[in-house]
């Protein structure tokens, strides 16, 4: 068994990331509004560009909303004493993996097996 995780450190990092996402979300609120054409830039390409920017903003918002959900789940696992353990096999998740992704749910072994299964590889 490895040295115990400093849960306060991970909790603080998760809270900082959540705050940063929320602050950025407030700044990006205007990006999800319907596309309005700029009368000085008329043309199909201008509209297509505006629609592409809107779609990218919506995809970013969805990704950040998912990250906020993962952060909330990680904070719940910290409170319950389950943080740092794989939700699949129950083994400890390596500290380096947690540092790379604070809200990860699985150990590298289970994550690799899931990727292989998803890709259709059995070995």
N, C-alpha and C. Protein backbone atom coordinates (compact mmCIF):
# COMPACT_ATOMS: atom_id res chain seq x y z
N UNK A 1 0.85 -1.19 0.00
CA UNK A 1 0.00 0.00 0.00
C UNK A 1 0.89 1.25 0.00
N UNK A 2 0.53 2.19 -0.80
CA UNK A 2 1.34 3.41 -0.90
C UNK A 2 0.98 4.40 0.21
N UNK A 3 1.73 5.46 0.24
CA UNK A 3 1.51 6.50 1.25
C UNK A 3 0.13 7.14 1.05
N UNK A 4 -0.58 7.48 2.12
CA UNK A 4 -1.94 8.04 1.99
C UNK A 4 -1.93 9.37 1.21
N UNK A 5 -3.01 9.57 0.47
CA UNK A 5 -3.16 10.81 -0.29
C UNK A 5 -3.44 11.98 0.64
N UNK A 6 -2.94 13.13 0.26
CA UNK A 6 -3.25 14.37 0.97
C UNK A 6 -4.58 14.88 0.41
N UNK A 7 -5.68 14.43 1.02
CA UNK A 7 -7.01 14.75 0.50
C UNK A 7 -7.29 16.25 0.51
N UNK A 8 -6.73 16.97 1.46
CA UNK A 8 -6.93 18.42 1.49
C UNK A 8 -6.32 19.07 0.24
N UNK A 9 -5.16 18.57 -0.19
CA UNK A 9 -4.51 19.08 -1.39
C UNK A 9 -5.41 18.86 -2.60
N UNK A 10 -5.91 17.64 -2.76
CA UNK A 10 -6.76 17.32 -3.91
C UNK A 10 -8.08 18.08 -3.85
N UNK A 11 -8.64 18.20 -2.68
CA UNK A 11 -9.89 18.96 -2.53
C UNK A 11 -9.68 20.41 -2.94
N UNK A 12 -8.59 21.01 -2.49
CA UNK A 12 -8.29 22.41 -2.83
C UNK A 12 -8.11 22.57 -4.34
N UNK A 13 -7.39 21.65 -4.97
CA UNK A 13 -7.19 21.71 -6.43
C UNK A 13 -8.52 21.58 -7.17
N UNK A 14 -9.38 20.68 -6.72
CA UNK A 14 -10.69 20.50 -7.34
C UNK A 14 -11.54 21.76 -7.20
N UNK A 15 -11.52 22.36 -6.01
CA UNK A 15 -12.29 23.58 -5.78
C UNK A 15 -11.76 24.73 -6.64
N UNK A 16 -10.44 24.82 -6.78
CA UNK A 16 -9.84 25.86 -7.63
C UNK A 16 -10.25 25.67 -9.08
N UNK A 17 -10.24 24.44 -9.55
CA UNK A 17 -10.62 24.16 -10.94
C UNK A 17 -12.09 24.50 -11.16
N UNK A 18 -12.94 24.13 -10.20
CA UNK A 18 -14.37 24.43 -10.31
C UNK A 18 -14.59 25.94 -10.38
N UNK A 19 -13.90 26.70 -9.54
CA UNK A 19 -14.02 28.16 -9.54
C UNK A 19 -13.57 28.74 -10.88
N UNK A 20 -12.47 28.22 -11.42
CA UNK A 20 -11.97 28.71 -12.71
C UNK A 20 -12.96 28.43 -13.83
N UNK A 21 -13.56 27.25 -13.84
CA UNK A 21 -14.54 26.91 -14.87
C UNK A 21 -15.76 27.82 -14.75
N UNK A 22 -16.24 28.01 -13.52
CA UNK A 22 -17.43 28.85 -13.32
C UNK A 22 -17.15 30.29 -13.72
N UNK A 23 -15.99 30.80 -13.41
CA UNK A 23 -15.64 32.18 -13.79
C UNK A 23 -15.56 32.31 -15.31
N UNK A 24 -14.98 31.32 -15.96
CA UNK A 24 -14.89 31.33 -17.41
C UNK A 24 -16.25 31.20 -18.07
N UNK A 25 -17.13 30.43 -17.47
CA UNK A 25 -18.48 30.24 -18.01
C UNK A 25 -19.25 31.55 -18.02
N UNK A 26 -19.09 32.32 -16.97
CA UNK A 26 -19.76 33.63 -16.91
C UNK A 26 -19.24 34.55 -18.02
N UNK A 27 -17.96 34.47 -18.30
CA UNK A 27 -17.38 35.32 -19.33
C UNK A 27 -17.80 34.88 -20.73
N UNK A 28 -18.14 33.58 -20.90
CA UNK A 28 -18.50 33.05 -22.21
C UNK A 28 -20.01 32.99 -22.45
N UNK A 29 -20.82 33.51 -21.58
CA UNK A 29 -22.28 33.40 -21.72
C UNK A 29 -22.78 33.92 -23.05
N UNK A 30 -22.19 34.97 -23.57
CA UNK A 30 -22.66 35.56 -24.82
C UNK A 30 -22.42 34.66 -26.03
N UNK A 31 -21.51 33.70 -25.93
CA UNK A 31 -21.15 32.88 -27.08
C UNK A 31 -22.24 31.91 -27.50
N UNK A 32 -23.17 31.58 -26.63
CA UNK A 32 -24.21 30.62 -26.95
C UNK A 32 -25.46 31.23 -27.55
N UNK A 33 -25.48 32.53 -27.68
CA UNK A 33 -26.67 33.20 -28.22
C UNK A 33 -26.84 32.90 -29.71
N UNK A 34 -28.05 33.07 -30.21
CA UNK A 34 -28.28 32.83 -31.65
C UNK A 34 -27.36 33.69 -32.51
N UNK A 35 -27.06 33.15 -33.67
CA UNK A 35 -26.16 33.84 -34.60
C UNK A 35 -26.84 35.09 -35.14
N UNK A 36 -26.14 36.20 -35.00
CA UNK A 36 -26.61 37.46 -35.58
C UNK A 36 -25.61 37.88 -36.63
N UNK A 37 -26.13 38.23 -37.78
CA UNK A 37 -25.23 38.62 -38.86
C UNK A 37 -24.78 40.06 -38.69
N UNK A 38 -23.53 40.28 -38.98
CA UNK A 38 -22.95 41.62 -38.97
C UNK A 38 -23.26 42.26 -40.32
N UNK A 39 -24.03 43.35 -40.34
CA UNK A 39 -24.41 43.95 -41.62
C UNK A 39 -23.21 44.40 -42.46
N UNK A 40 -22.08 44.61 -41.83
CA UNK A 40 -20.89 45.02 -42.59
C UNK A 40 -20.20 43.83 -43.23
N UNK A 41 -20.54 42.62 -42.77
CA UNK A 41 -19.92 41.41 -43.31
C UNK A 41 -21.03 40.50 -43.85
N UNK A 42 -21.51 40.80 -45.02
CA UNK A 42 -22.60 40.04 -45.60
C UNK A 42 -22.02 38.91 -46.43
N UNK A 43 -22.71 37.78 -46.36
CA UNK A 43 -22.28 36.67 -47.20
C UNK A 43 -22.44 35.35 -46.49
N UNK A 44 -22.47 34.29 -47.31
CA UNK A 44 -22.68 32.95 -46.78
C UNK A 44 -21.53 32.52 -45.89
N UNK A 45 -20.30 32.87 -46.24
CA UNK A 45 -19.15 32.47 -45.42
C UNK A 45 -19.17 33.12 -44.05
N UNK A 46 -19.63 34.37 -43.98
CA UNK A 46 -19.72 35.04 -42.68
C UNK A 46 -20.71 34.32 -41.78
N UNK A 47 -21.84 33.92 -42.33
CA UNK A 47 -22.85 33.20 -41.55
C UNK A 47 -22.32 31.83 -41.14
N UNK A 48 -21.66 31.15 -42.06
CA UNK A 48 -21.11 29.83 -41.75
C UNK A 48 -20.05 29.94 -40.65
N UNK A 49 -19.22 30.98 -40.72
CA UNK A 49 -18.21 31.20 -39.71
C UNK A 49 -18.85 31.45 -38.35
N UNK A 50 -19.89 32.27 -38.34
CA UNK A 50 -20.59 32.57 -37.09
C UNK A 50 -21.24 31.32 -36.52
N UNK A 51 -21.82 30.49 -37.38
CA UNK A 51 -22.47 29.25 -36.91
C UNK A 51 -21.43 28.26 -36.38
N UNK A 52 -20.27 28.21 -37.03
CA UNK A 52 -19.21 27.33 -36.56
C UNK A 52 -18.70 27.79 -35.19
N UNK A 53 -18.53 29.07 -35.01
CA UNK A 53 -18.10 29.60 -33.72
C UNK A 53 -19.12 29.27 -32.64
N UNK A 54 -20.41 29.39 -32.97
CA UNK A 54 -21.46 29.07 -32.01
C UNK A 54 -21.42 27.59 -31.65
N UNK A 55 -21.26 26.72 -32.64
CA UNK A 55 -21.19 25.28 -32.38
C UNK A 55 -19.99 24.93 -31.51
N UNK A 56 -18.86 25.58 -31.76
CA UNK A 56 -17.68 25.34 -30.93
C UNK A 56 -17.91 25.81 -29.50
N UNK A 57 -18.58 26.94 -29.33
CA UNK A 57 -18.88 27.44 -27.99
C UNK A 57 -19.81 26.49 -27.26
N UNK A 58 -20.79 25.94 -27.96
CA UNK A 58 -21.72 24.99 -27.34
C UNK A 58 -21.00 23.71 -26.94
N UNK A 59 -20.09 23.23 -27.78
CA UNK A 59 -19.33 22.02 -27.46
C UNK A 59 -18.42 22.26 -26.26
N UNK A 60 -17.82 23.43 -26.19
CA UNK A 60 -16.98 23.78 -25.04
C UNK A 60 -17.81 23.82 -23.77
N UNK A 61 -19.00 24.41 -23.84
CA UNK A 61 -19.87 24.47 -22.67
C UNK A 61 -20.26 23.07 -22.20
N UNK A 62 -20.58 22.18 -23.13
CA UNK A 62 -20.93 20.81 -22.76
C UNK A 62 -19.76 20.10 -22.09
N UNK A 63 -18.56 20.30 -22.64
CA UNK A 63 -17.37 19.66 -22.06
C UNK A 63 -17.10 20.19 -20.65
N UNK A 64 -17.25 21.49 -20.46
CA UNK A 64 -17.01 22.09 -19.14
C UNK A 64 -18.10 21.69 -18.15
N UNK A 65 -19.35 21.57 -18.62
CA UNK A 65 -20.42 21.10 -17.74
C UNK A 65 -20.14 19.67 -17.26
N UNK A 66 -19.63 18.83 -18.18
CA UNK A 66 -19.28 17.46 -17.81
C UNK A 66 -18.13 17.47 -16.80
N UNK A 67 -17.16 18.35 -17.01
CA UNK A 67 -16.04 18.44 -16.07
C UNK A 67 -16.53 18.89 -14.69
N UNK A 68 -17.47 19.83 -14.65
CA UNK A 68 -18.04 20.26 -13.36
C UNK A 68 -18.73 19.10 -12.67
N UNK A 69 -19.43 18.26 -13.42
CA UNK A 69 -20.07 17.08 -12.83
C UNK A 69 -19.04 16.12 -12.27
N UNK A 70 -17.94 15.92 -13.00
CA UNK A 70 -16.87 15.03 -12.52
C UNK A 70 -16.22 15.60 -11.25
N UNK A 71 -16.05 16.91 -11.21
CA UNK A 71 -15.48 17.55 -10.02
C UNK A 71 -16.41 17.36 -8.83
N UNK A 72 -17.71 17.56 -9.03
CA UNK A 72 -18.69 17.37 -7.94
C UNK A 72 -18.64 15.94 -7.44
N UNK A 73 -18.53 14.99 -8.36
CA UNK A 73 -18.44 13.58 -7.97
C UNK A 73 -17.16 13.31 -7.18
N UNK A 74 -16.04 13.89 -7.61
CA UNK A 74 -14.78 13.70 -6.90
C UNK A 74 -14.85 14.29 -5.50
N UNK A 75 -15.47 15.46 -5.37
CA UNK A 75 -15.61 16.07 -4.03
C UNK A 75 -16.49 15.21 -3.13
N UNK A 76 -17.51 14.59 -3.70
CA UNK A 76 -18.36 13.68 -2.93
C UNK A 76 -17.56 12.46 -2.49
N UNK A 77 -16.71 11.94 -3.40
CA UNK A 77 -15.88 10.78 -3.04
C UNK A 77 -14.87 11.15 -1.95
N UNK A 78 -14.35 12.37 -1.97
CA UNK A 78 -13.44 12.81 -0.91
C UNK A 78 -14.18 12.80 0.42
N UNK A 79 -15.38 13.37 0.43
CA UNK A 79 -16.17 13.45 1.67
C UNK A 79 -16.52 12.06 2.22
N UNK A 80 -16.71 11.09 1.33
CA UNK A 80 -17.10 9.75 1.77
C UNK A 80 -15.91 8.82 2.00
N UNK A 81 -14.70 9.30 1.71
CA UNK A 81 -13.51 8.48 1.90
C UNK A 81 -13.22 7.53 0.75
N UNK A 82 -13.89 7.70 -0.38
CA UNK A 82 -13.71 6.81 -1.52
C UNK A 82 -12.78 7.39 -2.58
N UNK A 83 -12.35 8.62 -2.42
CA UNK A 83 -11.49 9.27 -3.42
C UNK A 83 -10.15 8.56 -3.48
N UNK A 84 -9.66 8.37 -4.70
CA UNK A 84 -8.36 7.73 -4.88
C UNK A 84 -8.45 6.24 -5.08
N UNK A 85 -9.65 5.69 -5.09
CA UNK A 85 -9.85 4.27 -5.31
C UNK A 85 -10.66 4.07 -6.59
N UNK A 86 -10.25 3.10 -7.37
CA UNK A 86 -10.90 2.80 -8.65
C UNK A 86 -12.36 2.38 -8.40
N UNK A 87 -13.27 3.01 -9.13
CA UNK A 87 -14.69 2.67 -8.99
C UNK A 87 -15.02 1.34 -9.65
N UNK A 88 -14.07 0.80 -10.41
CA UNK A 88 -14.30 -0.48 -11.08
C UNK A 88 -13.77 -1.65 -10.26
N UNK A 89 -12.50 -1.58 -9.87
CA UNK A 89 -11.89 -2.72 -9.18
C UNK A 89 -11.62 -2.47 -7.69
N UNK A 90 -11.69 -1.21 -7.26
CA UNK A 90 -11.48 -0.89 -5.85
C UNK A 90 -10.03 -0.67 -5.46
N UNK A 91 -9.10 -0.88 -6.39
CA UNK A 91 -7.68 -0.67 -6.09
C UNK A 91 -7.37 0.82 -6.05
N UNK A 92 -6.23 1.14 -5.42
CA UNK A 92 -5.81 2.54 -5.37
C UNK A 92 -5.46 3.05 -6.76
N UNK A 93 -5.80 4.30 -7.00
CA UNK A 93 -5.40 4.97 -8.24
C UNK A 93 -4.07 5.65 -7.97
N UNK A 94 -3.13 5.48 -8.87
CA UNK A 94 -1.79 6.07 -8.69
C UNK A 94 -1.90 7.59 -8.52
N UNK A 95 -1.10 8.12 -7.61
CA UNK A 95 -1.11 9.55 -7.34
C UNK A 95 -0.84 10.37 -8.60
N UNK A 96 0.08 9.91 -9.43
CA UNK A 96 0.38 10.61 -10.68
C UNK A 96 -0.82 10.69 -11.60
N UNK A 97 -1.61 9.64 -11.63
CA UNK A 97 -2.83 9.64 -12.45
C UNK A 97 -3.83 10.65 -11.90
N UNK A 98 -3.96 10.71 -10.59
CA UNK A 98 -4.86 11.68 -9.97
C UNK A 98 -4.39 13.11 -10.20
N UNK A 99 -3.09 13.31 -10.18
CA UNK A 99 -2.56 14.65 -10.44
C UNK A 99 -2.83 15.07 -11.89
N UNK A 100 -2.80 14.10 -12.81
CA UNK A 100 -3.05 14.40 -14.22
C UNK A 100 -4.54 14.67 -14.47
N UNK A 101 -5.39 13.95 -13.77
CA UNK A 101 -6.84 14.12 -13.90
C UNK A 101 -7.44 13.98 -12.50
N UNK A 102 -7.66 15.12 -11.87
CA UNK A 102 -8.11 15.14 -10.48
C UNK A 102 -9.40 14.37 -10.23
N UNK A 103 -10.23 14.23 -11.25
CA UNK A 103 -11.54 13.61 -11.07
C UNK A 103 -11.63 12.21 -11.69
N UNK A 104 -10.48 11.61 -11.99
CA UNK A 104 -10.52 10.29 -12.62
C UNK A 104 -11.19 9.27 -11.71
N UNK A 105 -11.88 8.34 -12.33
CA UNK A 105 -12.63 7.33 -11.58
C UNK A 105 -11.94 5.98 -11.52
N UNK A 106 -11.03 5.74 -12.46
CA UNK A 106 -10.47 4.40 -12.58
C UNK A 106 -8.95 4.40 -12.55
N UNK A 107 -8.42 3.24 -12.15
CA UNK A 107 -6.96 3.04 -12.20
C UNK A 107 -6.56 2.86 -13.66
N UNK A 108 -5.28 2.90 -13.93
CA UNK A 108 -4.79 2.80 -15.30
C UNK A 108 -5.11 1.43 -15.90
N UNK A 109 -5.08 0.39 -15.09
CA UNK A 109 -5.38 -0.96 -15.59
C UNK A 109 -6.81 -1.04 -16.09
N UNK A 110 -7.76 -0.56 -15.31
CA UNK A 110 -9.16 -0.60 -15.71
C UNK A 110 -9.44 0.35 -16.87
N UNK A 111 -8.79 1.51 -16.88
CA UNK A 111 -8.98 2.46 -17.97
C UNK A 111 -8.45 1.87 -19.28
N UNK A 112 -7.31 1.21 -19.23
CA UNK A 112 -6.74 0.59 -20.42
C UNK A 112 -7.64 -0.53 -20.93
N UNK A 113 -8.14 -1.36 -20.01
CA UNK A 113 -9.04 -2.45 -20.40
C UNK A 113 -10.32 -1.90 -21.03
N UNK A 114 -10.84 -0.82 -20.49
CA UNK A 114 -12.06 -0.22 -21.04
C UNK A 114 -11.80 0.34 -22.44
N UNK A 115 -10.65 0.95 -22.65
CA UNK A 115 -10.30 1.49 -23.97
C UNK A 115 -10.17 0.36 -24.99
N UNK A 116 -9.52 -0.73 -24.58
CA UNK A 116 -9.36 -1.87 -25.49
C UNK A 116 -10.73 -2.45 -25.85
N UNK A 117 -11.60 -2.56 -24.87
CA UNK A 117 -12.94 -3.09 -25.12
C UNK A 117 -13.72 -2.16 -26.05
N UNK A 118 -13.59 -0.86 -25.83
CA UNK A 118 -14.28 0.13 -26.66
C UNK A 118 -13.78 0.07 -28.10
N UNK A 119 -12.48 -0.14 -28.26
CA UNK A 119 -11.89 -0.22 -29.58
C UNK A 119 -12.07 -1.58 -30.24
N UNK A 120 -12.65 -2.52 -29.51
CA UNK A 120 -12.90 -3.85 -30.07
C UNK A 120 -11.72 -4.79 -29.97
N UNK A 121 -10.73 -4.43 -29.16
CA UNK A 121 -9.57 -5.30 -28.97
C UNK A 121 -9.76 -6.10 -27.69
N UNK A 122 -9.46 -7.35 -27.72
CA UNK A 122 -9.63 -8.19 -26.53
C UNK A 122 -8.32 -8.49 -25.83
N UNK A 123 -7.21 -8.13 -26.38
CA UNK A 123 -5.93 -8.45 -25.73
C UNK A 123 -5.28 -7.22 -25.16
